[in-house]
């Protein structure tokens, strides 16, 4: 059930089967909350290697919302660790365990420890679109200009 209070908080049902506290926002204006690895033993991530890290969290989102799984900027900058399918999307009808696909883009091995903050979750409202097949699209100043076409010439 969607409940939005005075701080625009969306209530999300969660089952926590991890050894760690439920994720929370660190500041009142934070967009994302850190999610932790829930693993029995450390996982070594070699350079350019990827792996799925379980979190022990299961959520139920209201219809019209998604949960985005995004990289943590500190891990990306300091260690070269990022979320491979950024942003990952958890749909409102998914009921399985949240997993995070991490990749090591550095030249150094990285050891993921139990409880390590590995990604952040951002909740967002979304719309669904319906395609309407047509023969022509309206003209714009940009037209069919692609990557970099709106930059300084």
C-alpha atoms as a PDB file:
ATOM      1  CA  UNK A   1       0.000   0.000   0.000  1.00  0.00           C
ATOM      2  CA  UNK A   2       1.394   3.396  -1.008  1.00  0.00           C
ATOM      3  CA  UNK A   3       1.490   5.963   1.755  1.00  0.00           C
ATOM      4  CA  UNK A   4       3.194   9.310   1.189  1.00  0.00           C
ATOM      5  CA  UNK A   5       3.698  11.375   4.324  1.00  0.00           C
ATOM      6  CA  UNK A   6       4.729  15.016   4.784  1.00  0.00           C
ATOM      7  CA  UNK A   7       8.367  14.233   3.833  1.00  0.00           C
ATOM      8  CA  UNK A   8       7.332  12.494   0.571  1.00  0.00           C
ATOM      9  CA  UNK A   9       8.377   9.142   1.973  1.00  0.00           C
ATOM     10  CA  UNK A  10       7.068   6.060   0.207  1.00  0.00           C
ATOM     11  CA  UNK A  11       6.381   3.121   2.501  1.00  0.00           C
ATOM     12  CA  UNK A  12       8.007  -0.067   1.158  1.00  0.00           C
ATOM     13  CA  UNK A  13       7.436  -3.479   2.721  1.00  0.00           C
ATOM     14  CA  UNK A  14      10.718  -5.296   3.428  1.00  0.00           C
ATOM     15  CA  UNK A  15      11.797  -8.723   4.633  1.00  0.00           C
ATOM     16  CA  UNK A  16      15.302  -8.617   6.066  1.00  0.00           C
ATOM     17  CA  UNK A  17      16.965 -12.039   6.053  1.00  0.00           C
ATOM     18  CA  UNK A  18      20.449 -10.526   6.273  1.00  0.00           C
ATOM     19  CA  UNK A  19      22.679 -10.229   9.308  1.00  0.00           C
ATOM     20  CA  UNK A  20      22.561  -6.441   8.961  1.00  0.00           C
ATOM     21  CA  UNK A  21      20.192  -3.587   9.768  1.00  0.00           C
ATOM     22  CA  UNK A  22      17.598  -2.508   7.229  1.00  0.00           C
ATOM     23  CA  UNK A  23      19.089   0.184   4.961  1.00  0.00           C
ATOM     24  CA  UNK A  24      18.310   3.769   5.907  1.00  0.00           C
ATOM     25  CA  UNK A  25      18.993   7.270   4.639  1.00  0.00           C
ATOM     26  CA  UNK A  26      22.058   8.897   6.159  1.00  0.00           C
ATOM     27  CA  UNK A  27      20.717  12.467   5.836  1.00  0.00           C
ATOM     28  CA  UNK A  28      17.254  13.996   5.472  1.00  0.00           C
ATOM     29  CA  UNK A  29      17.942  14.900   1.814  1.00  0.00           C
ATOM     30  CA  UNK A  30      19.683  11.687   0.726  1.00  0.00           C
ATOM     31  CA  UNK A  31      18.273  10.226  -2.503  1.00  0.00           C
ATOM     32  CA  UNK A  32      19.728   6.768  -1.932  1.00  0.00           C
ATOM     33  CA  UNK A  33      20.257   4.393   0.953  1.00  0.00           C
ATOM     34  CA  UNK A  34      23.273   2.096   1.096  1.00  0.00           C
ATOM     35  CA  UNK A  35      22.724  -1.644   0.811  1.00  0.00           C
ATOM     36  CA  UNK A  36      25.176  -4.152   2.306  1.00  0.00           C
ATOM     37  CA  UNK A  37      26.654  -7.444   1.131  1.00  0.00           C
ATOM     38  CA  UNK A  38      25.140 -10.413   2.942  1.00  0.00           C
ATOM     39  CA  UNK A  39      27.729 -13.133   2.377  1.00  0.00           C
ATOM     40  CA  UNK A  40      29.118 -16.015   4.444  1.00  0.00           C
ATOM     41  CA  UNK A  41      32.736 -15.461   3.433  1.00  0.00           C
ATOM     42  CA  UNK A  42      34.714 -12.745   1.625  1.00  0.00           C
ATOM     43  CA  UNK A  43      34.462 -12.680  -2.174  1.00  0.00           C
ATOM     44  CA  UNK A  44      37.534 -11.742  -4.216  1.00  0.00           C
ATOM     45  CA  UNK A  45      36.732  -9.707  -7.306  1.00  0.00           C
ATOM     46  CA  UNK A  46      39.680  -9.718  -9.713  1.00  0.00           C
ATOM     47  CA  UNK A  47      40.296  -6.972 -12.275  1.00  0.00           C
ATOM     48  CA  UNK A  48      37.483  -6.881 -14.876  1.00  0.00           C
ATOM     49  CA  UNK A  49      35.632  -9.670 -13.067  1.00  0.00           C
ATOM     50  CA  UNK A  50      31.930  -9.395 -12.202  1.00  0.00           C
ATOM     51  CA  UNK A  51      29.770 -11.205  -9.683  1.00  0.00           C
ATOM     52  CA  UNK A  52      26.315 -11.167  -8.135  1.00  0.00           C
ATOM     53  CA  UNK A  53      26.294 -10.171  -4.464  1.00  0.00           C
ATOM     54  CA  UNK A  54      23.234 -11.070  -2.395  1.00  0.00           C
ATOM     55  CA  UNK A  55      21.803  -8.627   0.162  1.00  0.00           C
ATOM     56  CA  UNK A  56      19.317 -10.707   2.137  1.00  0.00           C
ATOM     57  CA  UNK A  57      16.630  -8.094   1.386  1.00  0.00           C
ATOM     58  CA  UNK A  58      13.246  -8.715  -0.241  1.00  0.00           C
ATOM     59  CA  UNK A  59      10.887  -5.810  -0.978  1.00  0.00           C
ATOM     60  CA  UNK A  60       7.333  -5.141  -2.089  1.00  0.00           C
ATOM     61  CA  UNK A  61       6.941  -1.896  -4.014  1.00  0.00           C
ATOM     62  CA  UNK A  62       3.646  -0.199  -4.820  1.00  0.00           C
ATOM     63  CA  UNK A  63       2.530  -0.282  -8.474  1.00  0.00           C
ATOM     64  CA  UNK A  64       4.024   2.646 -10.394  1.00  0.00           C
ATOM     65  CA  UNK A  65       7.323   2.603  -8.465  1.00  0.00           C
ATOM     66  CA  UNK A  66      10.705   1.047  -9.120  1.00  0.00           C
ATOM     67  CA  UNK A  67      13.792   0.602  -6.983  1.00  0.00           C
ATOM     68  CA  UNK A  68      16.985   1.587  -8.784  1.00  0.00           C
ATOM     69  CA  UNK A  69      20.260  -0.089  -7.792  1.00  0.00           C
ATOM     70  CA  UNK A  70      23.087   2.393  -8.294  1.00  0.00           C
ATOM     71  CA  UNK A  71      26.825   2.442  -7.623  1.00  0.00           C
ATOM     72  CA  UNK A  72      28.313   4.050  -4.539  1.00  0.00           C
ATOM     73  CA  UNK A  73      30.464   6.969  -5.650  1.00  0.00           C
ATOM     74  CA  UNK A  74      33.139   6.283  -3.014  1.00  0.00           C
ATOM     75  CA  UNK A  75      33.659   2.686  -4.207  1.00  0.00           C
ATOM     76  CA  UNK A  76      33.720   3.815  -7.819  1.00  0.00           C
ATOM     77  CA  UNK A  77      36.267   6.585  -7.285  1.00  0.00           C
ATOM     78  CA  UNK A  78      38.518   4.966  -4.675  1.00  0.00           C
ATOM     79  CA  UNK A  79      38.394   1.308  -5.767  1.00  0.00           C
ATOM     80  CA  UNK A  80      37.009   1.194  -9.333  1.00  0.00           C
ATOM     81  CA  UNK A  81      34.030  -0.919  -8.213  1.00  0.00           C
ATOM     82  CA  UNK A  82      30.687  -0.179  -9.833  1.00  0.00           C
ATOM     83  CA  UNK A  83      27.276  -1.707 -10.518  1.00  0.00           C
ATOM     84  CA  UNK A  84      27.399  -3.334 -13.939  1.00  0.00           C
ATOM     85  CA  UNK A  85      23.826  -2.708 -15.115  1.00  0.00           C
ATOM     86  CA  UNK A  86      23.573   0.846 -13.831  1.00  0.00           C
ATOM     87  CA  UNK A  87      20.981   1.636 -12.832  1.00  0.00           C
ATOM     88  CA  UNK A  88      19.591  -1.788 -12.156  1.00  0.00           C
ATOM     89  CA  UNK A  89      15.811  -1.812 -11.879  1.00  0.00           C
ATOM     90  CA  UNK A  90      13.749  -3.747  -9.368  1.00  0.00           C
ATOM     91  CA  UNK A  91      10.171  -3.847 -10.639  1.00  0.00           C
ATOM     92  CA  UNK A  92       7.140  -3.562  -8.376  1.00  0.00           C
ATOM     93  CA  UNK A  93       6.113  -7.166  -9.076  1.00  0.00           C
ATOM     94  CA  UNK A  94       9.527  -8.724  -8.222  1.00  0.00           C
ATOM     95  CA  UNK A  95       9.559 -10.602  -4.911  1.00  0.00           C
ATOM     96  CA  UNK A  96      12.978 -12.271  -4.970  1.00  0.00           C
ATOM     97  CA  UNK A  97      16.112 -11.342  -3.073  1.00  0.00           C
ATOM     98  CA  UNK A  98      17.826  -8.129  -4.104  1.00  0.00           C
ATOM     99  CA  UNK A  99      21.144  -8.919  -5.750  1.00  0.00           C
ATOM    100  CA  UNK A 100      23.768  -6.456  -6.929  1.00  0.00           C
ATOM    101  CA  UNK A 101      25.957  -7.135  -9.977  1.00  0.00           C
ATOM    102  CA  UNK A 102      29.356  -5.650  -9.149  1.00  0.00           C
ATOM    103  CA  UNK A 103      32.285  -5.289 -11.560  1.00  0.00           C
ATOM    104  CA  UNK A 104      35.882  -4.421 -10.762  1.00  0.00           C
ATOM    105  CA  UNK A 105      37.104  -1.870 -13.313  1.00  0.00           C
ATOM    106  CA  UNK A 106      40.413  -1.346 -11.539  1.00  0.00           C
ATOM    107  CA  UNK A 107      43.694  -3.192 -12.087  1.00  0.00           C
ATOM    108  CA  UNK A 108      43.733  -4.361  -8.463  1.00  0.00           C
ATOM    109  CA  UNK A 109      41.796  -7.206  -6.865  1.00  0.00           C
ATOM    110  CA  UNK A 110      39.027  -6.133  -4.513  1.00  0.00           C
ATOM    111  CA  UNK A 111      37.787  -8.144  -1.551  1.00  0.00           C
ATOM    112  CA  UNK A 112      34.109  -7.827  -0.691  1.00  0.00           C
ATOM    113  CA  UNK A 113      33.481  -8.429   3.000  1.00  0.00           C
ATOM    114  CA  UNK A 114      30.210  -9.319   4.684  1.00  0.00           C
ATOM    115  CA  UNK A 115      28.410  -6.099   5.635  1.00  0.00           C
ATOM    116  CA  UNK A 116      30.293  -3.975   3.105  1.00  0.00           C
ATOM    117  CA  UNK A 117      28.222  -1.176   1.609  1.00  0.00           C
ATOM    118  CA  UNK A 118      28.141  -2.232  -2.055  1.00  0.00           C
ATOM    119  CA  UNK A 119      25.468  -0.111  -3.743  1.00  0.00           C
ATOM    120  CA  UNK A 120      22.650   2.299  -3.065  1.00  0.00           C
ATOM    121  CA  UNK A 121      18.914   1.989  -3.567  1.00  0.00           C
ATOM    122  CA  UNK A 122      16.897   4.870  -5.014  1.00  0.00           C
ATOM    123  CA  UNK A 123      13.101   4.666  -5.215  1.00  0.00           C
ATOM    124  CA  UNK A 124      11.391   6.378  -8.137  1.00  0.00           C
ATOM    125  CA  UNK A 125       7.898   6.789  -9.509  1.00  0.00           C
ATOM    126  CA  UNK A 126       7.572   5.841 -13.161  1.00  0.00           C
ATOM    127  CA  UNK A 127       5.054   5.800 -15.967  1.00  0.00           C
ATOM    128  CA  UNK A 128       4.331   3.128 -18.556  1.00  0.00           C
ATOM    129  CA  UNK A 129       4.167   4.172 -22.207  1.00  0.00           C
ATOM    130  CA  UNK A 130       2.066   2.946 -25.075  1.00  0.00           C
ATOM    131  CA  UNK A 131       3.625   3.006 -28.544  1.00  0.00           C
ATOM    132  CA  UNK A 132       1.485   4.548 -31.276  1.00  0.00           C
ATOM    133  CA  UNK A 133       2.760   3.485 -34.671  1.00  0.00           C
ATOM    134  CA  UNK A 134       3.006   6.372 -37.169  1.00  0.00           C
ATOM    135  CA  UNK A 135       4.676   7.062 -40.544  1.00  0.00           C
ATOM    136  CA  UNK A 136       6.285  10.414 -39.589  1.00  0.00           C
ATOM    137  CA  UNK A 137       7.446  12.312 -36.499  1.00  0.00           C
ATOM    138  CA  UNK A 138       7.186  16.067 -35.962  1.00  0.00           C
ATOM    139  CA  UNK A 139      10.146  18.274 -36.932  1.00  0.00           C
ATOM    140  CA  UNK A 140      12.440  19.830 -34.304  1.00  0.00           C
ATOM    141  CA  UNK A 141      15.518  22.058 -34.456  1.00  0.00           C
ATOM    142  CA  UNK A 142      17.712  19.115 -33.461  1.00  0.00           C
ATOM    143  CA  UNK A 143      16.087  16.657 -35.833  1.00  0.00           C
ATOM    144  CA  UNK A 144      17.999  13.386 -36.076  1.00  0.00           C
ATOM    145  CA  UNK A 145      21.219  14.827 -34.573  1.00  0.00           C
ATOM    146  CA  UNK A 146      22.728  12.198 -32.303  1.00  0.00           C
ATOM    147  CA  UNK A 147      25.431  12.080 -29.632  1.00  0.00           C
ATOM    148  CA  UNK A 148      27.083  15.477 -29.185  1.00  0.00           C
ATOM    149  CA  UNK A 149      24.762  17.215 -31.638  1.00  0.00           C
ATOM    150  CA  UNK A 150      23.548  19.789 -29.102  1.00  0.00           C
ATOM    151  CA  UNK A 151      27.038  20.829 -27.940  1.00  0.00           C
ATOM    152  CA  UNK A 152      29.084  23.914 -28.834  1.00  0.00           C
ATOM    153  CA  UNK A 153      30.206  23.959 -32.459  1.00  0.00           C
END
